[in-house]
Amino acid sequence: MSAQAPRTATGPRILAFGHYQPERVVTNEELAARVDTSDEWIRSRVGIARRHIAAPQESVTDMAVHAGAKALAASGLPSDEIDLVVVATCTQETQIPVAAPGVAHRLGIEAPGAYDINAGCAGFSYALTGAADALRAGSARNALVIGSDKMSAWVDPSDRSTCVIFADAAGAAVLAGRGSPDGSLGRGSPDGWIGPVAWGSSGGNADKITVRDRHSFFAQDGQAVYRWATSLAPVALEACRRAGLAPSELAAFVPHQANLRIIRSLARQLGAPQALVADDIVESGNTSAASIPLALSRMTEQGRLHSGDPVLLLGFGHGLTCAAQVITAP
């Protein structure tokens, strides 16, 4: 499928990414000293070498503020130009208050629209779509979208099936309300273009990922989740179709950093051997809603992504929910 010519109307675009990871790094060897596991087992099963873990007093909001500040600084947009803040998280310590208004206040963004969204590890993809649609409709001028999760607060440290996987981080993107073609991705589309979403859910499998209450830990049916996650290539391909480009035109594929085997399976099914495949999970672990923007921000800093590169995003998480879209790197 060849890329279609962009329309003349302009829509929202991504100006910049930012991220934050806590200072403390936990290696596989450290985990092996306290649970029945090993570096070889962890690397072979999930592909992780190390992960960052937040300090006890460090909150979802704290991490979101760090990542948001970095994205704002990189964007060149002053805080008073932001009028929508969305935080994707599933690990806020309490349901009330939500994180977004407090994040906005601490960043000097006064009286914006502000809300949290919980779609688990698909949260950033859902938040990005909602914010882009709000900007496209004229409900806001510019937006700050953040994925921030402190998974360590909800994982049993003695459960080797989960404590080796999950980690803490935040990733952010600044969106400007006007400036990109509001249609299919054409060659020469401006940097930061945000394509149409392809999304869905599998509510009949909602019990495969659970936290029963605040006195319980995160639990999942690993095999069932693996089978579902590796079946999502059609959703990713549909996002390419809606963006008006073939997988062979992708510069990169950035799925949720859940498990290196899942990532590699999806990449093979996508059929885009030329595309750079994000592997941030090796150094960062599974950071839930933070994983996609964290990977995008780190890949940009490392020079692995360049302005205008077509990038396919694919988020998937509890619910079970999924969402994919093509963007161009800012």
Protein backbone atom coordinates (compact mmCIF):
# COMPACT_ATOMS: atom_id res chain seq x y z
CA MET A 1 0.00 0.00 0.00
CA SER A 2 1.48 3.34 -0.98
CA ALA A 3 1.23 6.45 1.15
CA GLN A 4 -1.59 8.82 0.31
CA ALA A 5 -1.15 12.55 -0.19
CA PRO A 6 -1.83 14.53 3.01
CA ARG A 7 -4.88 16.75 3.21
CA THR A 8 -4.59 20.48 3.53
CA ALA A 9 -6.22 20.78 6.97
CA THR A 10 -3.81 20.88 9.88
CA GLY A 11 -4.08 18.94 13.10
CA PRO A 12 -2.16 18.22 16.30
CA ARG A 13 1.50 17.24 16.29
CA ILE A 14 4.02 16.01 18.85
CA LEU A 15 6.65 18.62 19.68
CA ALA A 16 8.87 16.67 22.07
CA PHE A 17 9.24 13.74 24.45
CA GLY A 18 10.66 13.55 27.96
CA HIS A 19 11.20 10.81 30.52
CA TYR A 20 12.21 10.08 34.07
CA GLN A 21 13.57 6.95 35.76
CA PRO A 22 14.26 6.62 39.49
CA GLU A 23 17.86 6.57 40.63
CA ARG A 24 17.87 3.09 42.12
CA VAL A 25 18.80 0.31 39.65
CA VAL A 26 17.95 -3.30 40.52
CA THR A 27 19.89 -5.97 38.67
CA ASN A 28 18.91 -9.57 38.03
CA GLU A 29 21.65 -10.68 40.39
CA GLU A 30 20.11 -8.64 43.21
CA LEU A 31 16.73 -10.27 42.62
CA ALA A 32 18.30 -13.72 42.46
CA ALA A 33 19.70 -13.17 45.93
CA ARG A 34 16.21 -12.97 47.43
CA VAL A 35 13.87 -15.01 45.18
CA ASP A 36 14.23 -18.31 43.32
CA THR A 37 15.46 -17.00 40.00
CA SER A 38 18.63 -16.28 38.05
CA ASP A 39 20.00 -13.81 35.53
CA GLU A 40 19.80 -16.49 32.82
CA TRP A 41 16.16 -17.34 33.64
CA ILE A 42 15.04 -13.70 33.62
CA ARG A 43 16.86 -12.86 30.39
CA SER A 44 15.56 -15.96 28.60
CA ARG A 45 11.96 -15.58 29.76
CA VAL A 46 11.39 -11.80 29.61
CA GLY A 47 14.62 -10.27 28.27
CA ILE A 48 15.29 -7.90 31.17
CA ALA A 49 18.78 -7.17 32.50
CA ARG A 50 17.99 -4.38 34.97
CA ARG A 51 15.16 -2.07 36.04
CA HIS A 52 14.69 1.20 37.95
CA ILE A 53 12.72 1.17 41.21
CA ALA A 54 11.30 4.27 42.89
CA ALA A 55 12.14 5.23 46.45
CA PRO A 56 9.36 4.57 49.00
CA GLN A 57 8.47 8.27 49.19
CA GLU A 58 8.59 8.78 45.41
CA SER A 59 5.08 8.91 43.91
CA VAL A 60 3.40 8.54 40.54
CA THR A 61 2.92 12.31 40.60
CA ASP A 62 6.57 12.99 41.41
CA MET A 63 7.75 10.92 38.44
CA ALA A 64 5.15 12.47 36.14
CA VAL A 65 6.33 15.98 37.09
CA HIS A 66 9.95 15.11 36.25
CA ALA A 67 9.04 13.65 32.85
CA GLY A 68 6.59 16.45 32.06
CA ALA A 69 9.14 19.14 32.90
CA LYS A 70 11.69 17.52 30.61
CA ALA A 71 9.22 17.27 27.73
CA LEU A 72 8.12 20.88 28.18
CA ALA A 73 11.72 22.10 28.18
CA ALA A 74 12.46 20.13 25.00
CA SER A 75 9.33 21.45 23.28
CA GLY A 76 10.13 25.13 23.78
CA LEU A 77 6.47 25.69 24.65
CA PRO A 78 5.88 27.75 27.82
CA SER A 79 3.74 26.17 30.51
CA ASP A 80 1.05 28.84 30.18
CA GLU A 81 0.40 27.64 26.63
CA ILE A 82 -0.70 24.19 27.89
CA ASP A 83 -4.41 23.91 28.56
CA LEU A 84 -4.87 20.14 28.78
CA VAL A 85 -2.95 17.65 30.95
CA VAL A 86 -3.63 13.91 30.79
CA VAL A 87 -1.88 11.37 33.01
CA ALA A 88 -2.12 7.67 32.15
CA THR A 89 -1.56 5.52 35.22
CA CYS A 90 -2.87 2.40 36.92
CA THR A 91 -0.84 2.76 40.12
CA GLN A 92 -2.03 5.99 41.69
CA GLU A 93 -1.98 5.26 45.42
CA THR A 94 -5.51 6.58 45.93
CA GLN A 95 -8.46 7.08 43.62
CA ILE A 96 -8.99 10.59 44.99
CA PRO A 97 -7.35 12.91 44.15
CA VAL A 98 -6.24 12.01 40.65
CA ALA A 99 -2.69 12.86 39.57
CA ALA A 100 -3.17 15.21 36.61
CA PRO A 101 -4.31 18.42 38.37
CA GLY A 102 -1.47 18.19 40.88
CA VAL A 103 1.07 17.50 38.13
CA ALA A 104 -0.17 20.52 36.22
CA HIS A 105 0.04 22.78 39.29
CA ARG A 106 3.60 21.71 40.10
CA LEU A 107 4.63 22.42 36.50
CA GLY A 108 3.14 25.93 36.62
CA ILE A 109 0.26 25.03 34.29
CA GLU A 110 -2.65 26.88 35.83
CA ALA A 111 -6.30 25.80 35.47
CA PRO A 112 -5.97 23.39 32.54
CA GLY A 113 -8.35 20.60 31.73
CA ALA A 114 -6.81 17.73 33.67
CA TYR A 115 -7.71 14.08 34.10
CA ASP A 116 -6.23 10.62 34.63
CA ILE A 117 -6.87 7.63 32.39
CA ASN A 118 -6.45 3.99 33.37
CA ALA A 119 -5.97 1.53 30.54
CA GLY A 120 -2.99 -0.14 32.19
CA CYS A 121 -0.05 -0.69 29.88
CA ALA A 122 -2.12 0.67 26.97
CA GLY A 123 -2.72 3.88 28.91
CA PHE A 124 -0.34 6.17 27.04
CA SER A 125 -1.76 5.13 23.66
CA TYR A 126 -5.29 5.87 24.88
CA ALA A 127 -4.20 9.17 26.46
CA LEU A 128 -2.36 10.26 23.31
CA THR A 129 -5.42 9.49 21.19
CA GLY A 130 -7.79 11.33 23.53
CA ALA A 131 -5.58 14.40 23.75
CA ALA A 132 -4.98 14.53 19.99
CA ASP A 133 -8.71 14.28 19.35
CA ALA A 134 -9.40 17.06 21.87
CA LEU A 135 -6.88 19.31 20.12
CA ARG A 136 -8.26 18.38 16.73
CA ALA A 137 -11.78 19.29 17.88
CA GLY A 138 -10.63 22.61 19.33
CA SER A 139 -11.33 21.69 22.96
CA ALA A 140 -7.73 22.64 23.83
CA ARG A 141 -4.80 24.44 22.18
CA ASN A 142 -1.85 22.36 23.42
CA ALA A 143 -1.55 19.32 25.65
CA LEU A 144 0.85 17.50 27.93
CA VAL A 145 0.36 13.71 27.91
CA ILE A 146 2.18 11.60 30.52
CA GLY A 147 2.39 7.91 31.31
CA SER A 148 3.57 7.33 34.89
CA ASP A 149 3.48 4.11 36.88
CA LYS A 150 5.02 2.91 40.13
CA MET A 151 4.52 -0.80 39.59
CA SER A 152 6.84 -1.71 42.47
CA ALA A 153 4.20 -0.52 44.94
CA TRP A 154 1.72 -3.10 43.65
CA VAL A 155 3.95 -6.11 43.03
CA ASP A 156 4.72 -8.84 45.57
CA PRO A 157 8.52 -8.66 46.05
CA SER A 158 8.60 -12.39 46.81
CA ASP A 159 6.72 -13.43 43.63
CA ARG A 160 9.34 -14.24 41.01
CA SER A 161 6.73 -14.28 38.22
CA THR A 162 6.07 -10.55 38.63
CA CYS A 163 8.84 -8.91 40.68
CA VAL A 164 11.42 -9.61 37.96
CA ILE A 165 9.30 -7.94 35.26
CA PHE A 166 7.91 -4.67 36.54
CA ALA A 167 9.61 -1.36 37.22
CA ASP A 168 8.91 2.35 37.72
CA ALA A 169 9.17 5.33 35.37
CA ALA A 170 7.37 8.16 33.61
CA GLY A 171 7.36 9.30 29.99
CA ALA A 172 5.75 12.38 28.47
CA ALA A 173 4.87 14.07 25.21
CA VAL A 174 3.94 17.68 24.44
CA LEU A 175 1.30 18.13 21.73
CA ALA A 176 0.65 21.31 19.76
CA GLY A 177 -2.84 21.86 18.46
CA ARG A 178 -2.03 22.86 14.91
CA GLY A 179 0.65 22.16 12.38
CA SER A 180 0.40 18.68 10.82
CA PRO A 181 -1.65 17.31 7.93
CA ASP A 182 -4.89 16.01 9.39
CA GLY A 183 -5.24 12.97 7.17
CA SER A 184 -3.16 10.11 5.88
CA LEU A 185 0.58 10.05 6.25
CA GLY A 186 2.19 11.40 3.10
CA ARG A 187 5.85 11.54 2.27
CA GLY A 188 7.03 14.88 3.56
CA SER A 189 4.45 15.06 6.36
CA PRO A 190 5.70 17.37 9.12
CA ASP A 191 7.52 15.97 12.12
CA GLY A 192 5.34 14.87 15.01
CA TRP A 193 2.31 13.85 12.95
CA ILE A 194 -0.25 11.73 14.88
CA GLY A 195 -2.13 9.13 12.86
CA PRO A 196 -5.57 7.57 13.35
CA VAL A 197 -5.93 5.01 16.10
CA ALA A 198 -6.87 1.36 15.74
CA TRP A 199 -7.98 0.02 19.07
CA GLY A 200 -10.06 -2.61 20.81
CA SER A 201 -10.56 -4.74 23.91
CA SER A 202 -11.17 -8.28 25.11
CA GLY A 203 -13.41 -7.86 28.13
CA GLY A 204 -14.07 -11.57 28.37
CA ASN A 205 -10.45 -11.94 29.43
CA ALA A 206 -10.46 -9.08 31.95
CA ASP A 207 -9.77 -11.50 34.81
CA LYS A 208 -6.39 -12.43 33.30
CA ILE A 209 -4.78 -9.32 34.88
CA THR A 210 -6.06 -8.22 38.28
CA VAL A 211 -5.49 -6.39 41.53
CA ARG A 212 -8.37 -7.35 43.82
CA ASP A 213 -7.96 -4.48 46.30
CA ARG A 214 -5.33 -2.30 47.96
CA HIS A 215 -4.41 -5.18 50.25
CA SER A 216 -3.62 -7.39 47.24
CA PHE A 217 -0.81 -7.52 44.71
CA PHE A 218 -0.80 -7.43 40.92
CA ALA A 219 -1.54 -10.86 39.45
CA GLN A 220 -1.74 -12.17 35.90
CA ASP A 221 -2.27 -15.37 33.97
CA GLY A 222 1.04 -15.12 32.15
CA GLN A 223 0.34 -17.71 29.46
CA ALA A 224 -3.10 -16.31 28.60
CA VAL A 225 -1.74 -12.75 28.45
CA TYR A 226 1.17 -13.90 26.27
CA ARG A 227 -1.20 -15.61 23.80
CA TRP A 228 -3.42 -12.53 23.61
CA ALA A 229 -0.57 -10.05 23.28
CA THR A 230 1.09 -12.00 20.46
CA SER A 231 -2.23 -12.03 18.57
CA LEU A 232 -2.33 -8.23 18.22
CA ALA A 233 -0.38 -7.86 14.96
CA PRO A 234 -3.64 -7.29 12.99
CA VAL A 235 -4.37 -4.24 15.16
CA ALA A 236 -0.91 -2.85 14.39
CA LEU A 237 -1.38 -3.53 10.67
CA GLU A 238 -4.76 -1.79 10.74
CA ALA A 239 -3.12 1.30 12.25
CA CYS A 240 -0.69 1.30 9.31
CA ARG A 241 -3.59 1.01 6.86
CA ARG A 242 -5.44 3.90 8.49
CA ALA A 243 -2.27 5.98 8.36
CA GLY A 244 -1.96 5.26 4.64
CA LEU A 245 1.39 3.52 4.61
CA ALA A 246 2.73 -0.01 4.33
CA PRO A 247 4.78 -1.70 7.07
CA SER A 248 7.74 -1.54 4.66
CA GLU A 249 7.67 2.26 5.03
CA LEU A 250 8.08 2.21 8.83
CA ALA A 251 11.31 3.45 10.33
CA ALA A 252 10.57 2.02 13.78
CA PHE A 253 8.17 -0.13 15.79
CA VAL A 254 7.63 0.81 19.45
CA PRO A 255 5.27 -1.61 21.19
CA HIS A 256 4.58 -1.69 24.91
CA GLN A 257 7.70 -3.05 26.56
CA ALA A 258 6.04 -6.05 28.18
CA ASN A 259 8.33 -8.94 27.37
CA LEU A 260 11.12 -9.24 24.81
CA ARG A 261 9.66 -12.45 23.40
CA ILE A 262 6.30 -10.74 22.83
CA ILE A 263 8.03 -7.76 21.19
CA ARG A 264 10.02 -9.99 18.83
CA SER A 265 6.97 -12.10 17.93
CA LEU A 266 4.94 -9.01 17.04
CA ALA A 267 7.83 -7.57 15.03
CA ARG A 268 8.12 -10.78 12.98
CA GLN A 269 4.39 -10.80 12.28
CA LEU A 270 4.47 -7.15 11.26
CA GLY A 271 6.73 -7.99 8.34
CA ALA A 272 8.87 -4.87 8.44
CA PRO A 273 12.45 -6.15 8.67
CA GLN A 274 13.86 -2.67 8.01
CA ALA A 275 12.10 -1.17 11.04
CA LEU A 276 14.05 -0.47 14.22
CA VAL A 277 12.32 -2.42 17.02
CA ALA A 278 12.30 -0.83 20.47
CA ASP A 279 14.04 -2.97 23.10
CA ASP A 280 14.01 -0.58 26.04
CA ILE A 281 12.69 -3.39 28.24
CA VAL A 282 16.24 -4.76 28.53
CA GLU A 283 17.42 -1.73 30.50
CA SER A 284 14.12 -0.47 31.94
CA GLY A 285 11.81 -3.43 32.55
CA ASN A 286 8.04 -3.26 32.09
CA THR A 287 6.96 0.21 33.22
CA SER A 288 3.30 -0.09 32.22
CA ALA A 289 1.83 3.19 30.87
CA ALA A 290 5.28 4.78 30.91
CA SER A 291 6.90 2.19 28.66
CA ILE A 292 6.05 3.60 25.20
CA PRO A 293 6.89 7.27 25.89
CA LEU A 294 9.94 6.20 27.91
CA ALA A 295 11.21 4.15 24.96
CA LEU A 296 10.44 6.97 22.50
CA SER A 297 12.25 9.53 24.63
CA ARG A 298 15.30 7.34 25.24
CA MET A 299 15.51 6.30 21.58
CA THR A 300 15.36 9.95 20.54
CA GLU A 301 18.10 10.92 23.00
CA GLN A 302 20.26 8.04 21.78
CA GLY A 303 19.91 9.18 18.16
CA ARG A 304 18.03 6.04 17.16
CA LEU A 305 14.96 8.04 16.07
CA HIS A 306 15.14 11.06 13.79
CA SER A 307 12.69 13.83 12.97
CA GLY A 308 10.08 12.68 10.49
CA ASP A 309 10.66 8.93 11.00
CA PRO A 310 7.34 7.02 10.69
CA VAL A 311 6.94 5.08 13.94
CA LEU A 312 4.27 2.51 14.77
CA LEU A 313 3.12 2.44 18.41
CA LEU A 314 1.22 -0.47 19.95
CA GLY A 315 -0.02 -0.43 23.53
CA PHE A 316 -1.72 -3.36 25.28
CA GLY A 317 -2.72 -3.84 28.88
CA HIS A 318 -5.28 -4.86 31.47
CA GLY A 319 -8.92 -4.92 30.64
CA LEU A 320 -7.76 -6.34 28.22
CA THR A 321 -7.22 -3.24 26.05
CA CYS A 322 -5.06 -2.38 23.06
CA ALA A 323 -4.41 0.62 20.81
CA ALA A 324 -2.08 1.27 17.88
CA GLN A 325 -1.23 4.36 15.84
CA VAL A 326 1.46 5.66 13.53
CA ILE A 327 3.27 8.88 14.42
CA THR A 328 6.22 10.67 12.90
CA ALA A 329 9.06 11.46 15.28
CA PRO A 330 9.33 15.12 16.31
